[in-house]
C-alpha cells in the first residue's frame, strides 16, 4: 500500500460472477476477480492480483445520509458552510 494508482479495463461476466481486469499499459496480462452479492447491502470481491490474494467486502451506505443530498447543492452560499 503506497497510495499508487493502477488503471485497469474491466469486463464483467454476470453469469459466472467474475470480473476480468486488464492493466491499461499491458494488454497481455489478465486478472480474474470473483464477485458475489450475499445481500443487497454487501458486495464481496476475491481473487489474485500479481500473485497477491485479495478479499474485499464493500458495504453500501444509505444515500440519504450524504451531505450533498441532505443539505442540497447551492451555487451561491449566502453564508459560509463550515462543518
PDB file of N, CA and C in Angstrom:
ATOM      1  N   UNK A   1       0.850  -1.163   0.000  1.00  0.00           N
ATOM      2  CA  UNK A   1       0.000   0.000   0.000  1.00  0.00           C
ATOM      3  C   UNK A   1       0.901   1.232   0.000  1.00  0.00           C
ATOM      4  N   UNK A   2       0.994   1.827  -1.165  1.00  0.00           N
ATOM      5  CA  UNK A   2       1.852   3.007  -1.296  1.00  0.00           C
ATOM      6  C   UNK A   2       1.119   4.181  -1.924  1.00  0.00           C
ATOM      7  N   UNK A   3      -0.205   4.145  -1.914  1.00  0.00           N
ATOM      8  CA  UNK A   3      -1.041   5.208  -2.472  1.00  0.00           C
ATOM      9  C   UNK A   3      -0.855   5.383  -3.977  1.00  0.00           C
ATOM     10  N   UNK A   4      -0.370   4.358  -4.668  1.00  0.00           N
ATOM     11  CA  UNK A   4      -0.243   4.447  -6.113  1.00  0.00           C
ATOM     12  C   UNK A   4      -1.573   4.073  -6.756  1.00  0.00           C
ATOM     13  N   UNK A   5      -1.736   4.508  -7.991  1.00  0.00           N
ATOM     14  CA  UNK A   5      -2.965   4.240  -8.737  1.00  0.00           C
ATOM     15  C   UNK A   5      -2.616   3.351  -9.915  1.00  0.00           C
ATOM     16  N   UNK A   6      -3.390   2.290 -10.089  1.00  0.00           N
ATOM     17  CA  UNK A   6      -3.220   1.394 -11.229  1.00  0.00           C
ATOM     18  C   UNK A   6      -4.552   1.314 -11.955  1.00  0.00           C
ATOM     19  N   UNK A   7      -4.562   1.669 -13.223  1.00  0.00           N
ATOM     20  CA  UNK A   7      -5.795   1.664 -14.006  1.00  0.00           C
ATOM     21  C   UNK A   7      -5.934   0.345 -14.752  1.00  0.00           C
ATOM     22  N   UNK A   8      -7.169  -0.182 -14.744  1.00  0.00           N
ATOM     23  CA  UNK A   8      -7.468  -1.438 -15.421  1.00  0.00           C
ATOM     24  C   UNK A   8      -8.770  -1.299 -16.196  1.00  0.00           C
ATOM     25  N   UNK A   9      -8.839  -2.011 -17.298  1.00  0.00           N
ATOM     26  CA  UNK A   9     -10.108  -2.161 -18.007  1.00  0.00           C
ATOM     27  C   UNK A   9     -10.794  -3.379 -17.397  1.00  0.00           C
ATOM     28  N   UNK A  10     -12.111  -3.328 -17.264  1.00  0.00           N
ATOM     29  CA  UNK A  10     -12.859  -4.411 -16.625  1.00  0.00           C
ATOM     30  C   UNK A  10     -13.924  -4.943 -17.573  1.00  0.00           C
ATOM     31  N   UNK A  11     -14.043  -6.272 -17.608  1.00  0.00           N
ATOM     32  CA  UNK A  11     -15.094  -6.943 -18.369  1.00  0.00           C
ATOM     33  C   UNK A  11     -15.837  -7.848 -17.398  1.00  0.00           C
ATOM     34  N   UNK A  12     -17.148  -7.600 -17.222  1.00  0.00           N
ATOM     35  CA  UNK A  12     -17.949  -8.383 -16.282  1.00  0.00           C
ATOM     36  C   UNK A  12     -18.614  -9.561 -16.979  1.00  0.00           C
ATOM     37  N   UNK A  13     -18.639 -10.688 -16.293  1.00  0.00           N
ATOM     38  CA  UNK A  13     -19.391 -11.858 -16.727  1.00  0.00           C
ATOM     39  C   UNK A  13     -20.403 -12.136 -15.624  1.00  0.00           C
ATOM     40  N   UNK A  14     -21.617 -11.641 -15.802  1.00  0.00           N
ATOM     41  CA  UNK A  14     -22.629 -11.752 -14.754  1.00  0.00           C
ATOM     42  C   UNK A  14     -23.108 -13.184 -14.558  1.00  0.00           C
ATOM     43  N   UNK A  15     -23.016 -14.025 -15.574  1.00  0.00           N
ATOM     44  CA  UNK A  15     -23.439 -15.417 -15.433  1.00  0.00           C
ATOM     45  C   UNK A  15     -22.495 -16.187 -14.512  1.00  0.00           C
ATOM     46  N   UNK A  16     -21.190 -15.928 -14.624  1.00  0.00           N
ATOM     47  CA  UNK A  16     -20.199 -16.612 -13.791  1.00  0.00           C
ATOM     48  C   UNK A  16     -19.887 -15.852 -12.506  1.00  0.00           C
ATOM     49  N   UNK A  17     -20.241 -14.588 -12.442  1.00  0.00           N
ATOM     50  CA  UNK A  17     -19.912 -13.766 -11.278  1.00  0.00           C
ATOM     51  C   UNK A  17     -18.432 -13.433 -11.229  1.00  0.00           C
ATOM     52  N   UNK A  18     -17.838 -13.152 -12.400  1.00  0.00           N
ATOM     53  CA  UNK A  18     -16.419 -12.820 -12.458  1.00  0.00           C
ATOM     54  C   UNK A  18     -16.206 -11.484 -13.153  1.00  0.00           C
ATOM     55  N   UNK A  19     -15.038 -10.916 -12.878  1.00  0.00           N
ATOM     56  CA  UNK A  19     -14.625  -9.665 -13.492  1.00  0.00           C
ATOM     57  C   UNK A  19     -13.199  -9.869 -14.000  1.00  0.00           C
ATOM     58  N   UNK A  20     -12.967  -9.658 -15.279  1.00  0.00           N
ATOM     59  CA  UNK A  20     -11.650  -9.793 -15.875  1.00  0.00           C
ATOM     60  C   UNK A  20     -11.015  -8.412 -15.933  1.00  0.00           C
ATOM     61  N   UNK A  21      -9.898  -8.240 -15.243  1.00  0.00           N
ATOM     62  CA  UNK A  21      -9.196  -6.962 -15.205  1.00  0.00           C
ATOM     63  C   UNK A  21      -7.957  -7.043 -16.086  1.00  0.00           C
ATOM     64  N   UNK A  22      -7.756  -6.024 -16.913  1.00  0.00           N
ATOM     65  CA  UNK A  22      -6.588  -5.938 -17.781  1.00  0.00           C
ATOM     66  C   UNK A  22      -5.931  -4.587 -17.546  1.00  0.00           C
ATOM     67  N   UNK A  23      -4.645  -4.561 -17.169  1.00  0.00           N
ATOM     68  CA  UNK A  23      -3.969  -3.272 -16.991  1.00  0.00           C
ATOM     69  C   UNK A  23      -3.960  -2.493 -18.294  1.00  0.00           C
ATOM     70  N   UNK A  24      -4.113  -1.191 -18.197  1.00  0.00           N
ATOM     71  CA  UNK A  24      -4.177  -0.360 -19.408  1.00  0.00           C
ATOM     72  C   UNK A  24      -2.846  -0.307 -20.143  1.00  0.00           C
ATOM     73  N   UNK A  25      -1.737  -0.507 -19.423  1.00  0.00           N
ATOM     74  CA  UNK A  25      -0.433  -0.392 -20.071  1.00  0.00           C
ATOM     75  C   UNK A  25       0.097  -1.734 -20.585  1.00  0.00           C
ATOM     76  N   UNK A  26      -0.602  -2.866 -20.313  1.00  0.00           N
ATOM     77  CA  UNK A  26      -0.148  -4.179 -20.766  1.00  0.00           C
ATOM     78  C   UNK A  26      -1.367  -5.076 -20.992  1.00  0.00           C
ATOM     79  N   UNK A  27      -1.776  -5.208 -22.238  1.00  0.00           N
ATOM     80  CA  UNK A  27      -2.994  -5.963 -22.537  1.00  0.00           C
ATOM     81  C   UNK A  27      -2.785  -7.473 -22.533  1.00  0.00           C
ATOM     82  N   UNK A  28      -1.553  -7.939 -22.318  1.00  0.00           N
ATOM     83  CA  UNK A  28      -1.299  -9.381 -22.285  1.00  0.00           C
ATOM     84  C   UNK A  28      -1.518  -9.981 -20.900  1.00  0.00           C
ATOM     85  N   UNK A  29      -1.638  -9.154 -19.880  1.00  0.00           N
ATOM     86  CA  UNK A  29      -1.812  -9.620 -18.504  1.00  0.00           C
ATOM     87  C   UNK A  29      -3.287  -9.517 -18.141  1.00  0.00           C
ATOM     88  N   UNK A  30      -3.828 -10.556 -17.482  1.00  0.00           N
ATOM     89  CA  UNK A  30      -5.226 -10.558 -17.068  1.00  0.00           C
ATOM     90  C   UNK A  30      -5.337 -11.058 -15.630  1.00  0.00           C
ATOM     91  N   UNK A  31      -6.238 -10.475 -14.868  1.00  0.00           N
ATOM     92  CA  UNK A  31      -6.545 -10.906 -13.514  1.00  0.00           C
ATOM     93  C   UNK A  31      -8.032 -11.217 -13.450  1.00  0.00           C
ATOM     94  N   UNK A  32      -8.393 -12.336 -12.847  1.00  0.00           N
ATOM     95  CA  UNK A  32      -9.797 -12.691 -12.705  1.00  0.00           C
ATOM     96  C   UNK A  32     -10.203 -12.543 -11.247  1.00  0.00           C
ATOM     97  N   UNK A  33     -11.213 -11.726 -11.019  1.00  0.00           N
ATOM     98  CA  UNK A  33     -11.748 -11.476  -9.683  1.00  0.00           C
ATOM     99  C   UNK A  33     -13.177 -12.004  -9.650  1.00  0.00           C
ATOM    100  N   UNK A  34     -13.519 -12.752  -8.618  1.00  0.00           N
ATOM    101  CA  UNK A  34     -14.905 -13.192  -8.462  1.00  0.00           C
ATOM    102  C   UNK A  34     -15.636 -12.187  -7.583  1.00  0.00           C
ATOM    103  N   UNK A  35     -16.914 -12.025  -7.847  1.00  0.00           N
ATOM    104  CA  UNK A  35     -17.713 -11.137  -7.015  1.00  0.00           C
ATOM    105  C   UNK A  35     -19.023 -11.826  -6.655  1.00  0.00           C
ATOM    106  N   UNK A  36     -19.548 -11.439  -5.499  1.00  0.00           N
ATOM    107  CA  UNK A  36     -20.811 -12.014  -5.031  1.00  0.00           C
ATOM    108  C   UNK A  36     -21.582 -10.943  -4.272  1.00  0.00           C
ATOM    109  N   UNK A  37     -22.894 -11.031  -4.342  1.00  0.00           N
ATOM    110  CA  UNK A  37     -23.785 -10.136  -3.592  1.00  0.00           C
ATOM    111  C   UNK A  37     -24.526 -10.983  -2.566  1.00  0.00           C
ATOM    112  N   UNK A  38     -23.967 -11.183  -1.363  1.00  0.00           N
ATOM    113  CA  UNK A  38     -24.646 -12.011  -0.368  1.00  0.00           C
ATOM    114  C   UNK A  38     -25.989 -11.424   0.062  1.00  0.00           C
ATOM    115  N   UNK A  39     -26.105 -10.098   0.035  1.00  0.00           N
ATOM    116  CA  UNK A  39     -27.374  -9.420   0.292  1.00  0.00           C
ATOM    117  C   UNK A  39     -27.319  -8.073  -0.414  1.00  0.00           C
ATOM    118  N   UNK A  40     -28.374  -7.300  -0.306  1.00  0.00           N
ATOM    119  CA  UNK A  40     -28.446  -6.039  -1.061  1.00  0.00           C
ATOM    120  C   UNK A  40     -27.496  -4.967  -0.532  1.00  0.00           C
ATOM    121  N   UNK A  41     -26.926  -5.160   0.644  1.00  0.00           N
ATOM    122  CA  UNK A  41     -26.060  -4.139   1.222  1.00  0.00           C
ATOM    123  C   UNK A  41     -24.576  -4.482   1.143  1.00  0.00           C
ATOM    124  N   UNK A  42     -24.215  -5.653   0.615  1.00  0.00           N
ATOM    125  CA  UNK A  42     -22.818  -6.060   0.595  1.00  0.00           C
ATOM    126  C   UNK A  42     -22.403  -6.558  -0.790  1.00  0.00           C
ATOM    127  N   UNK A  43     -21.127  -6.298  -1.108  1.00  0.00           N
ATOM    128  CA  UNK A  43     -20.504  -6.812  -2.319  1.00  0.00           C
ATOM    129  C   UNK A  43     -19.151  -7.372  -1.901  1.00  0.00           C
ATOM    130  N   UNK A  44     -18.863  -8.627  -2.257  1.00  0.00           N
ATOM    131  CA  UNK A  44     -17.621  -9.289  -1.870  1.00  0.00           C
ATOM    132  C   UNK A  44     -16.805  -9.564  -3.122  1.00  0.00           C
ATOM    133  N   UNK A  45     -15.533  -9.137  -3.113  1.00  0.00           N
ATOM    134  CA  UNK A  45     -14.601  -9.364  -4.210  1.00  0.00           C
ATOM    135  C   UNK A  45     -13.478 -10.259  -3.706  1.00  0.00           C
ATOM    136  N   UNK A  46     -13.049 -11.230  -4.527  1.00  0.00           N
ATOM    137  CA  UNK A  46     -11.941 -12.115  -4.140  1.00  0.00           C
ATOM    138  C   UNK A  46     -11.195 -12.543  -5.383  1.00  0.00           C
ATOM    139  N   UNK A  47      -9.883 -12.722  -5.240  1.00  0.00           N
ATOM    140  CA  UNK A  47      -9.087 -13.182  -6.372  1.00  0.00           C
ATOM    141  C   UNK A  47      -7.612 -12.968  -6.158  1.00  0.00           C
ATOM    142  N   UNK A  48      -6.850 -13.058  -7.236  1.00  0.00           N
ATOM    143  CA  UNK A  48      -5.405 -12.858  -7.217  1.00  0.00           C
ATOM    144  C   UNK A  48      -5.039 -11.708  -8.148  1.00  0.00           C
ATOM    145  N   UNK A  49      -4.160 -10.841  -7.662  1.00  0.00           N
ATOM    146  CA  UNK A  49      -3.595  -9.779  -8.483  1.00  0.00           C
ATOM    147  C   UNK A  49      -2.093  -9.812  -8.250  1.00  0.00           C
ATOM    148  N   UNK A  50      -1.337 -10.099  -9.307  1.00  0.00           N
ATOM    149  CA  UNK A  50       0.134 -10.210  -9.210  1.00  0.00           C
ATOM    150  C   UNK A  50       0.554 -11.181  -8.109  1.00  0.00           C
ATOM    151  N   UNK A  51      -0.063 -12.337  -8.021  1.00  0.00           N
ATOM    152  CA  UNK A  51       0.250 -13.383  -7.030  1.00  0.00           C
ATOM    153  C   UNK A  51      -0.087 -12.961  -5.605  1.00  0.00           C
ATOM    154  N   UNK A  52      -0.808 -11.867  -5.430  1.00  0.00           N
ATOM    155  CA  UNK A  52      -1.275 -11.433  -4.115  1.00  0.00           C
ATOM    156  C   UNK A  52      -2.765 -11.721  -4.005  1.00  0.00           C
ATOM    157  N   UNK A  53      -3.161 -12.375  -2.936  1.00  0.00           N
ATOM    158  CA  UNK A  53      -4.580 -12.654  -2.714  1.00  0.00           C
ATOM    159  C   UNK A  53      -5.278 -11.404  -2.222  1.00  0.00           C
ATOM    160  N   UNK A  54      -6.474 -11.175  -2.745  1.00  0.00           N
ATOM    161  CA  UNK A  54      -7.280 -10.061  -2.246  1.00  0.00           C
ATOM    162  C   UNK A  54      -8.640 -10.594  -1.821  1.00  0.00           C
ATOM    163  N   UNK A  55      -9.176  -9.989  -0.802  1.00  0.00           N
ATOM    164  CA  UNK A  55     -10.533 -10.279  -0.340  1.00  0.00           C
ATOM    165  C   UNK A  55     -11.079  -8.962   0.188  1.00  0.00           C
ATOM    166  N   UNK A  56     -12.096  -8.448  -0.474  1.00  0.00           N
ATOM    167  CA  UNK A  56     -12.645  -7.128  -0.156  1.00  0.00           C
ATOM    168  C   UNK A  56     -14.135  -7.265   0.089  1.00  0.00           C
ATOM    169  N   UNK A  57     -14.608  -6.681   1.178  1.00  0.00           N
ATOM    170  CA  UNK A  57     -16.040  -6.615   1.447  1.00  0.00           C
ATOM    171  C   UNK A  57     -16.455  -5.150   1.421  1.00  0.00           C
ATOM    172  N   UNK A  58     -17.377  -4.815   0.521  1.00  0.00           N
ATOM    173  CA  UNK A  58     -17.887  -3.452   0.401  1.00  0.00           C
ATOM    174  C   UNK A  58     -19.276  -3.395   1.017  1.00  0.00           C
ATOM    175  N   UNK A  59     -19.541  -2.334   1.762  1.00  0.00           N
ATOM    176  CA  UNK A  59     -20.830  -2.160   2.423  1.00  0.00           C
ATOM    177  C   UNK A  59     -21.500  -0.922   1.849  1.00  0.00           C
ATOM    178  N   UNK A  60     -22.720  -1.074   1.394  1.00  0.00           N
ATOM    179  CA  UNK A  60     -23.465   0.045   0.822  1.00  0.00           C
ATOM    180  C   UNK A  60     -23.935   0.980   1.930  1.00  0.00           C
ATOM    181  N   UNK A  61     -23.741   2.259   1.711  1.00  0.00           N
ATOM    182  CA  UNK A  61     -24.196   3.269   2.667  1.00  0.00           C
ATOM    183  C   UNK A  61     -25.527   3.841   2.205  1.00  0.00           C
ATOM    184  N   UNK A  62     -26.278   4.330   3.138  1.00  0.00           N
ATOM    185  CA  UNK A  62     -27.556   4.957   2.826  1.00  0.00           C
ATOM    186  C   UNK A  62     -27.288   6.297   2.149  1.00  0.00           C
ATOM    187  N   UNK A  63     -27.774   6.464   0.926  1.00  0.00           N
ATOM    188  CA  UNK A  63     -27.507   7.679   0.159  1.00  0.00           C
ATOM    189  C   UNK A  63     -28.088   8.926   0.803  1.00  0.00           C
ATOM    190  N   UNK A  64     -29.158   8.787   1.548  1.00  0.00           N
ATOM    191  CA  UNK A  64     -29.782   9.975   2.149  1.00  0.00           C
ATOM    192  C   UNK A  64     -28.908  10.578   3.245  1.00  0.00           C
ATOM    193  N   UNK A  65     -27.901   9.855   3.698  1.00  0.00           N
ATOM    194  CA  UNK A  65     -27.008  10.381   4.725  1.00  0.00           C
ATOM    195  C   UNK A  65     -25.871  11.221   4.182  1.00  0.00           C
ATOM    196  N   UNK A  66     -25.691  11.265   2.850  1.00  0.00           N
ATOM    197  CA  UNK A  66     -24.617  12.062   2.267  1.00  0.00           C
ATOM    198  C   UNK A  66     -24.942  13.546   2.403  1.00  0.00           C
ATOM    199  N   UNK A  67     -23.919  14.314   2.727  1.00  0.00           N
ATOM    200  CA  UNK A  67     -24.100  15.736   2.998  1.00  0.00           C
ATOM    201  C   UNK A  67     -24.707  16.479   1.812  1.00  0.00           C
ATOM    202  N   UNK A  68     -24.262  16.186   0.592  1.00  0.00           N
ATOM    203  CA  UNK A  68     -24.783  16.903  -0.575  1.00  0.00           C
ATOM    204  C   UNK A  68     -26.279  16.661  -0.754  1.00  0.00           C
ATOM    205  N   UNK A  69     -26.746  15.459  -0.453  1.00  0.00           N
ATOM    206  CA  UNK A  69     -28.175  15.172  -0.589  1.00  0.00           C
ATOM    207  C   UNK A  69     -28.978  15.715   0.588  1.00  0.00           C
ATOM    208  N   UNK A  70     -28.404  15.703   1.785  1.00  0.00           N
ATOM    209  CA  UNK A  70     -29.112  16.219   2.958  1.00  0.00           C
ATOM    210  C   UNK A  70     -29.251  17.738   2.893  1.00  0.00           C
ATOM    211  N   UNK A  71     -28.172  18.407   2.548  1.00  0.00           N
ATOM    212  CA  UNK A  71     -28.146  19.862   2.579  1.00  0.00           C
ATOM    213  C   UNK A  71     -28.633  20.454   1.268  1.00  0.00           C
ATOM    214  N   UNK A  72     -28.396  19.746   0.165  1.00  0.00           N
ATOM    215  CA  UNK A  72     -28.723  20.295  -1.138  1.00  0.00           C
ATOM    216  C   UNK A  72     -27.532  21.047  -1.710  1.00  0.00           C
ATOM    217  N   UNK A  73     -27.550  21.260  -3.012  1.00  0.00           N
ATOM    218  CA  UNK A  73     -26.462  21.955  -3.674  1.00  0.00           C
ATOM    219  C   UNK A  73     -26.859  23.395  -3.933  1.00  0.00           C
ATOM    220  N   UNK A  74     -25.944  24.301  -3.650  1.00  0.00           N
ATOM    221  CA  UNK A  74     -26.190  25.728  -3.860  1.00  0.00           C
ATOM    222  C   UNK A  74     -24.990  26.326  -4.596  1.00  0.00           C
ATOM    223  N   UNK A  75     -25.221  26.943  -5.744  1.00  0.00           N
ATOM    224  CA  UNK A  75     -24.125  27.580  -6.464  1.00  0.00           C
ATOM    225  C   UNK A  75     -23.574  28.741  -5.659  1.00  0.00           C
ATOM    226  N   UNK A  76     -24.468  29.491  -5.040  1.00  0.00           N
ATOM    227  CA  UNK A  76     -24.062  30.651  -4.254  1.00  0.00           C
ATOM    228  C   UNK A  76     -24.545  30.437  -2.826  1.00  0.00           C
ATOM    229  N   UNK A  77     -23.624  30.527  -1.887  1.00  0.00           N
ATOM    230  CA  UNK A  77     -23.976  30.394  -0.474  1.00  0.00           C
ATOM    231  C   UNK A  77     -24.079  31.782   0.139  1.00  0.00           C
ATOM    232  N   UNK A  78     -25.176  32.061   0.799  1.00  0.00           N
ATOM    233  CA  UNK A  78     -25.348  33.340   1.477  1.00  0.00           C
ATOM    234  C   UNK A  78     -24.424  33.432   2.695  1.00  0.00           C
ATOM    235  N   UNK A  79     -24.181  32.313   3.305  1.00  0.00           N
ATOM    236  CA  UNK A  79     -23.278  32.234   4.454  1.00  0.00           C
ATOM    237  C   UNK A  79     -22.313  31.090   4.213  1.00  0.00           C
ATOM    238  N   UNK A  80     -21.080  31.204   4.705  1.00  0.00           N
ATOM    239  CA  UNK A  80     -20.149  30.089   4.530  1.00  0.00           C
ATOM    240  C   UNK A  80     -20.642  28.853   5.282  1.00  0.00           C
ATOM    241  N   UNK A  81     -20.448  27.707   4.670  1.00  0.00           N
ATOM    242  CA  UNK A  81     -20.853  26.457   5.312  1.00  0.00           C
ATOM    243  C   UNK A  81     -19.591  25.734   5.777  1.00  0.00           C
ATOM    244  N   UNK A  82     -19.290  25.869   7.040  1.00  0.00           N
ATOM    245  CA  UNK A  82     -18.126  25.197   7.629  1.00  0.00           C
ATOM    246  C   UNK A  82     -18.632  24.101   8.544  1.00  0.00           C
ATOM    247  N   UNK A  83     -18.304  22.892   8.207  1.00  0.00           N
ATOM    248  CA  UNK A  83     -18.785  21.775   9.014  1.00  0.00           C
ATOM    249  C   UNK A  83     -18.154  21.756  10.358  1.00  0.00           C
TER     250      UNK A  83
END
